[in-house]
Amino acid sequence: MVARAEKATQAGESGSGAKRLGDVATYVALVVLAVLWLAPLAWAVDTALKPESDTTAIPISWIPAGGFTLESFVQVITAGGLLRWFFNSALTSALITLGVVLLASLAAYGFSRVPFRGRGLVFVLVLAGIIVPGEMLILPLFTEMEAFGLINTYPGVILPQLAFPVAVFIFKQFFDGVPPELEEAAIVDGASRLRVYWQIWMPLSQPVIAAVAIFTFVTSWNNFLWPFIVVTGTDMMTVPVGLATVQSSFGVRYADIMASAVLGGLPLMIVFLIFQRQIVQGIAGTGLKG
């Protein structure tokens, strides 16, 4: 008995030591990956804070000989159209986010709770939109927007981005997990389908709404291809499209280019840092993993 107890103790210590070693290895790996991810961002910020003459100095140094300066940020804000691009991106992204949440949740409620002929087939066709490359739709969408006279307008930028099959799938995954007794009780009390959707399903879906809204906002803010195609004037440019013109506007001025990139990505970083808990809770609520 004593021998068995000693062997069990040794096995437990061995397992505990292996677990601690595994935890240390995991921690080290995560630190290395974090450093590799942060290094380009840190270099971009460092370059933006350098005088232009120090951005191409040899040997390369993190600390400029002339000291750090905000000159590039001032130059970008005053000489470029960055503030206008910020407004355009904020407006279009906010409206796209609102439209996607509303349309995707309505569609998902129909697929999840409203029985109709061919429901499964229609849902499969919606999901098929996930695998269709966006580049294939550029020409027909542009032709359609041109026919309606929406080129270089906010509706022209917004409307084609309202179709978001991933959002429909996420909402449906959540709706499928809500007890149907809630809806049945409301219908028995005389509530309509629309009232059930608005007063029961949407309040219950707040974590998922937050996750979809943030994901949609980030995606629409970063979208370059469609705004680049449909926008023809500098006053209608969004941040990604405007940043693509920075190099031609300033010439090869690395500090100005990096300052524009840092300012363009700053709102998304702030949004993610503020709402990262809602993102995790929303994805967890859908039952999706990985």
Protein backbone atom coordinates (compact mmCIF):
# COMPACT_ATOMS: atom_id res chain seq x y z
CA MET A 1 0.00 0.00 0.00
CA VAL A 2 2.81 2.37 0.88
CA ALA A 3 4.58 1.58 -2.39
CA ARG A 4 1.40 2.28 -4.33
CA ALA A 5 0.92 5.57 -2.53
CA GLU A 6 4.52 6.57 -3.31
CA LYS A 7 4.06 5.66 -6.98
CA ALA A 8 0.82 7.65 -7.13
CA THR A 9 2.53 10.63 -5.53
CA GLN A 10 5.43 10.44 -7.98
CA ALA A 11 3.02 10.13 -10.90
CA GLY A 12 1.09 13.15 -9.66
CA GLU A 13 4.25 15.21 -9.28
CA SER A 14 5.40 14.14 -12.74
CA GLY A 15 2.03 15.09 -14.25
CA SER A 16 2.04 18.41 -12.42
CA GLY A 17 5.56 19.16 -13.62
CA ALA A 18 4.63 18.31 -17.20
CA LYS A 19 1.58 20.58 -16.96
CA ARG A 20 3.68 23.47 -15.61
CA LEU A 21 6.21 22.93 -18.40
CA GLY A 22 3.41 22.94 -20.97
CA ASP A 23 1.95 26.14 -19.50
CA VAL A 24 5.36 27.84 -19.66
CA ALA A 25 5.87 26.72 -23.27
CA THR A 26 2.43 28.02 -24.20
CA TYR A 27 3.09 31.34 -22.48
CA VAL A 28 6.43 31.75 -24.25
CA ALA A 29 4.87 30.91 -27.62
CA LEU A 30 2.07 33.45 -27.08
CA VAL A 31 4.59 36.14 -26.08
CA VAL A 32 6.65 35.45 -29.21
CA LEU A 33 3.57 35.60 -31.44
CA ALA A 34 2.43 38.82 -29.75
CA VAL A 35 5.83 40.43 -30.33
CA LEU A 36 5.83 39.34 -33.99
CA TRP A 37 2.33 40.80 -34.41
CA LEU A 38 3.14 44.07 -32.63
CA ALA A 39 6.52 44.69 -34.26
CA PRO A 40 5.17 46.03 -37.62
CA LEU A 41 2.63 48.19 -35.79
CA ALA A 42 5.32 49.57 -33.50
CA TRP A 43 7.56 50.28 -36.50
CA ALA A 44 4.71 52.10 -38.30
CA VAL A 45 4.10 54.33 -35.27
CA ASP A 46 7.84 54.89 -34.85
CA THR A 47 8.20 55.87 -38.51
CA ALA A 48 5.23 58.23 -38.30
CA LEU A 49 6.87 60.03 -35.37
CA LYS A 50 10.21 60.47 -37.13
CA PRO A 51 11.32 63.46 -39.18
CA GLU A 52 11.16 62.54 -42.88
CA SER A 53 14.95 62.68 -43.19
CA ASP A 54 15.32 59.96 -40.55
CA THR A 55 12.91 57.47 -42.17
CA THR A 56 15.51 56.44 -44.75
CA ALA A 57 18.61 56.91 -42.59
CA ILE A 58 21.21 54.12 -42.55
CA PRO A 59 21.74 52.35 -40.21
CA ILE A 60 18.11 51.80 -39.24
CA SER A 61 17.29 53.01 -35.74
CA TRP A 62 14.19 53.05 -33.59
CA ILE A 63 15.18 56.39 -32.05
CA PRO A 64 15.68 59.16 -34.63
CA ALA A 65 18.70 61.41 -34.43
CA GLY A 66 16.50 64.48 -34.77
CA GLY A 67 14.09 63.38 -32.06
CA PHE A 68 10.44 62.44 -32.34
CA THR A 69 7.98 64.88 -33.89
CA LEU A 70 4.26 65.15 -34.73
CA GLU A 71 5.01 67.00 -37.96
CA SER A 72 3.75 64.17 -40.19
CA PHE A 73 0.43 63.91 -38.35
CA VAL A 74 -0.09 67.67 -38.64
CA GLN A 75 0.84 67.56 -42.33
CA VAL A 76 -1.58 64.73 -43.08
CA ILE A 77 -4.49 66.34 -41.22
CA THR A 78 -4.01 69.85 -42.63
CA ALA A 79 -2.84 69.15 -46.18
CA GLY A 80 -4.80 65.97 -46.96
CA GLY A 81 -8.48 65.14 -46.90
CA LEU A 82 -8.22 62.74 -43.98
CA LEU A 83 -10.95 64.39 -41.88
CA ARG A 84 -13.37 64.19 -44.82
CA TRP A 85 -12.40 60.55 -45.37
CA PHE A 86 -13.04 59.85 -41.69
CA PHE A 87 -16.52 61.36 -41.97
CA ASN A 88 -17.33 59.33 -45.10
CA SER A 89 -16.09 56.09 -43.54
CA ALA A 90 -17.92 56.73 -40.26
CA LEU A 91 -21.20 57.57 -41.99
CA THR A 92 -21.18 54.70 -44.49
CA SER A 93 -19.93 52.14 -41.96
CA ALA A 94 -22.57 53.14 -39.40
CA LEU A 95 -25.41 52.94 -41.93
CA ILE A 96 -24.13 49.65 -43.33
CA THR A 97 -23.90 48.22 -39.81
CA LEU A 98 -27.44 49.32 -38.96
CA GLY A 99 -28.80 47.90 -42.21
CA VAL A 100 -26.96 44.59 -41.91
CA VAL A 101 -28.10 44.02 -38.31
CA LEU A 102 -31.72 44.78 -39.18
CA LEU A 103 -31.91 42.82 -42.46
CA ALA A 104 -29.82 39.86 -41.31
CA SER A 105 -31.76 39.45 -38.06
CA LEU A 106 -35.09 39.62 -39.90
CA ALA A 107 -33.95 37.03 -42.42
CA ALA A 108 -32.53 34.80 -39.69
CA TYR A 109 -35.79 35.00 -37.71
CA GLY A 110 -37.70 33.92 -40.79
CA PHE A 111 -35.37 30.99 -41.46
CA SER A 112 -35.36 29.95 -37.82
CA ARG A 113 -38.98 30.41 -36.71
CA VAL A 114 -41.31 30.98 -39.66
CA PRO A 115 -42.23 27.78 -41.55
CA PHE A 116 -42.61 28.23 -45.31
CA ARG A 117 -42.18 26.08 -48.38
CA GLY A 118 -38.57 25.80 -49.56
CA ARG A 119 -37.13 27.36 -46.41
CA GLY A 120 -34.11 25.05 -46.33
CA LEU A 121 -33.32 25.61 -50.01
CA VAL A 122 -33.53 29.39 -49.69
CA PHE A 123 -31.27 29.30 -46.65
CA VAL A 124 -28.71 27.23 -48.56
CA LEU A 125 -28.81 29.77 -51.41
CA VAL A 126 -28.18 32.58 -48.92
CA LEU A 127 -25.22 30.72 -47.44
CA ALA A 128 -23.91 30.12 -50.96
CA GLY A 129 -23.24 33.84 -51.08
CA ILE A 130 -20.40 33.26 -48.61
CA ILE A 131 -18.38 31.31 -51.18
CA VAL A 132 -18.95 33.75 -54.06
CA PRO A 133 -15.87 35.98 -54.46
CA GLY A 134 -16.76 39.64 -54.19
CA GLU A 135 -14.69 40.42 -57.26
CA MET A 136 -17.18 38.48 -59.42
CA LEU A 137 -19.96 40.89 -58.43
CA ILE A 138 -18.10 44.13 -59.14
CA LEU A 139 -19.20 44.49 -62.77
CA PRO A 140 -22.93 43.69 -62.32
CA LEU A 141 -23.10 45.83 -59.17
CA PHE A 142 -21.39 48.75 -60.89
CA THR A 143 -23.73 48.43 -63.87
CA GLU A 144 -26.72 48.41 -61.53
CA MET A 145 -25.53 51.43 -59.56
CA GLU A 146 -24.84 53.30 -62.79
CA ALA A 147 -28.33 52.51 -64.09
CA PHE A 148 -29.86 53.99 -60.94
CA GLY A 149 -27.55 57.02 -61.02
CA LEU A 150 -25.86 56.08 -57.73
CA ILE A 151 -22.22 56.34 -58.81
CA ASN A 152 -20.19 58.56 -56.45
CA THR A 153 -23.00 58.72 -53.89
CA TYR A 154 -23.45 57.41 -50.36
CA PRO A 155 -26.25 55.00 -51.39
CA GLY A 156 -23.98 53.66 -54.11
CA VAL A 157 -21.34 52.83 -51.49
CA ILE A 158 -23.79 51.50 -48.90
CA LEU A 159 -26.45 49.42 -50.69
CA PRO A 160 -24.26 46.65 -52.20
CA GLN A 161 -22.65 46.05 -48.79
CA LEU A 162 -25.96 45.33 -47.04
CA ALA A 163 -26.00 41.74 -48.29
CA PHE A 164 -24.01 39.91 -45.59
CA PRO A 165 -24.72 36.13 -45.53
CA VAL A 166 -22.35 35.53 -42.61
CA ALA A 167 -24.48 37.78 -40.40
CA VAL A 168 -27.62 35.83 -41.36
CA PHE A 169 -25.90 32.58 -40.41
CA ILE A 170 -24.72 33.92 -37.04
CA PHE A 171 -28.16 35.25 -36.12
CA LYS A 172 -29.84 32.01 -37.16
CA GLN A 173 -27.44 29.96 -35.05
CA PHE A 174 -28.42 32.02 -32.02
CA PHE A 175 -32.16 32.04 -32.77
CA ASP A 176 -32.16 28.25 -33.13
CA GLY A 177 -30.97 27.96 -29.53
CA VAL A 178 -33.69 30.15 -28.00
CA PRO A 179 -36.53 28.14 -26.36
CA PRO A 180 -39.58 28.21 -28.69
CA GLU A 181 -41.89 28.41 -25.66
CA LEU A 182 -41.20 32.14 -25.43
CA GLU A 183 -42.54 32.75 -28.91
CA GLU A 184 -45.48 30.39 -28.48
CA ALA A 185 -46.57 32.15 -25.29
CA ALA A 186 -46.39 35.55 -26.98
CA ILE A 187 -48.38 34.38 -30.01
CA VAL A 188 -51.04 32.89 -27.73
CA ASP A 189 -51.32 36.31 -26.07
CA GLY A 190 -52.01 37.83 -29.48
CA ALA A 191 -48.59 39.16 -30.47
CA SER A 192 -47.75 39.30 -34.17
CA ARG A 193 -44.62 37.80 -35.69
CA LEU A 194 -43.10 41.26 -36.08
CA ARG A 195 -43.83 42.14 -32.46
CA VAL A 196 -42.33 38.86 -31.26
CA TYR A 197 -39.21 39.57 -33.32
CA TRP A 198 -38.83 43.14 -32.08
CA GLN A 199 -39.82 42.81 -28.42
CA ILE A 200 -38.57 39.30 -27.59
CA TRP A 201 -35.92 38.09 -29.99
CA MET A 202 -33.98 41.30 -30.42
CA PRO A 203 -33.62 42.07 -26.68
CA LEU A 204 -32.46 38.48 -26.12
CA SER A 205 -29.94 38.86 -28.94
CA GLN A 206 -28.00 41.83 -27.60
CA PRO A 207 -24.63 39.99 -27.32
CA VAL A 208 -24.98 38.67 -30.88
CA ILE A 209 -26.12 42.06 -32.15
CA ALA A 210 -23.03 43.64 -30.62
CA ALA A 211 -20.71 41.04 -32.17
CA VAL A 212 -22.30 41.29 -35.63
CA ALA A 213 -22.39 45.08 -35.47
CA ILE A 214 -18.72 45.39 -34.55
CA PHE A 215 -17.65 42.81 -37.13
CA THR A 216 -19.71 44.54 -39.83
CA PHE A 217 -18.42 47.99 -38.89
CA VAL A 218 -14.80 46.85 -39.05
CA THR A 219 -15.36 45.05 -42.35
CA SER A 220 -17.10 47.99 -44.01
CA TRP A 221 -14.53 50.47 -42.65
CA ASN A 222 -11.69 48.40 -44.13
CA ASN A 223 -13.44 47.72 -47.44
CA PHE A 224 -11.31 49.13 -50.23
CA LEU A 225 -12.36 47.54 -53.51
CA TRP A 226 -16.01 48.54 -53.81
CA PRO A 227 -15.62 52.18 -52.62
CA PHE A 228 -12.60 52.47 -54.90
CA ILE A 229 -14.73 51.35 -57.87
CA VAL A 230 -17.89 53.34 -57.18
CA VAL A 231 -16.32 56.58 -55.89
CA THR A 232 -15.02 59.01 -58.50
CA GLY A 233 -14.44 62.18 -56.47
CA THR A 234 -12.03 62.92 -53.64
CA ASP A 235 -14.84 64.30 -51.46
CA MET A 236 -16.54 60.88 -51.41
CA MET A 237 -13.44 58.81 -50.62
CA THR A 238 -13.38 56.59 -47.56
CA VAL A 239 -10.27 56.12 -45.41
CA PRO A 240 -8.87 53.04 -47.26
CA VAL A 241 -9.39 54.66 -50.66
CA GLY A 242 -7.95 57.95 -49.46
CA LEU A 243 -4.90 56.24 -47.99
CA ALA A 244 -4.21 54.70 -51.39
CA THR A 245 -3.83 58.24 -52.75
CA VAL A 246 -1.47 59.39 -50.01
CA GLN A 247 1.67 58.22 -51.76
CA SER A 248 0.79 60.01 -54.97
CA SER A 249 -0.24 63.14 -53.02
CA PHE A 250 2.84 63.41 -50.82
CA GLY A 251 5.34 61.61 -53.04
CA VAL A 252 7.49 58.98 -51.38
CA ARG A 253 7.25 60.44 -47.88
CA TYR A 254 7.26 57.48 -45.54
CA ALA A 255 6.49 59.43 -42.38
CA ASP A 256 3.35 60.95 -43.91
CA ILE A 257 2.24 57.59 -45.31
CA MET A 258 2.67 55.87 -41.94
CA ALA A 259 0.96 58.74 -40.11
CA SER A 260 -2.04 58.37 -42.42
CA ALA A 261 -2.13 54.61 -41.89
CA VAL A 262 -1.93 54.96 -38.11
CA LEU A 263 -4.72 57.55 -38.03
CA GLY A 264 -6.83 55.43 -40.37
CA GLY A 265 -6.56 52.32 -38.20
CA LEU A 266 -6.88 54.07 -34.84
CA PRO A 267 -10.72 54.13 -34.71
CA LEU A 268 -10.93 50.38 -35.32
CA MET A 269 -8.41 49.67 -32.59
CA ILE A 270 -10.38 51.81 -30.15
CA VAL A 271 -13.65 50.10 -31.09
CA PHE A 272 -12.13 46.66 -30.62
CA LEU A 273 -10.56 47.50 -27.26
CA ILE A 274 -13.86 48.89 -25.97
CA PHE A 275 -16.12 46.11 -27.24
CA GLN A 276 -13.87 43.04 -27.23
CA ARG A 277 -15.90 41.46 -24.40
CA GLN A 278 -19.11 41.83 -26.40
CA ILE A 279 -17.44 40.23 -29.41
CA VAL A 280 -16.40 37.16 -27.41
CA GLN A 281 -19.79 36.88 -25.71
CA GLY A 282 -21.65 37.25 -28.98
CA ILE A 283 -19.67 34.57 -30.80
CA ALA A 284 -19.97 32.26 -27.78
CA GLY A 285 -23.71 32.76 -27.80
CA THR A 286 -24.01 31.47 -31.37
CA GLY A 287 -22.34 28.16 -30.48
CA LEU A 288 -19.61 28.74 -33.08
CA LYS A 289 -16.10 27.59 -32.29
CA GLY A 290 -12.68 28.14 -33.81
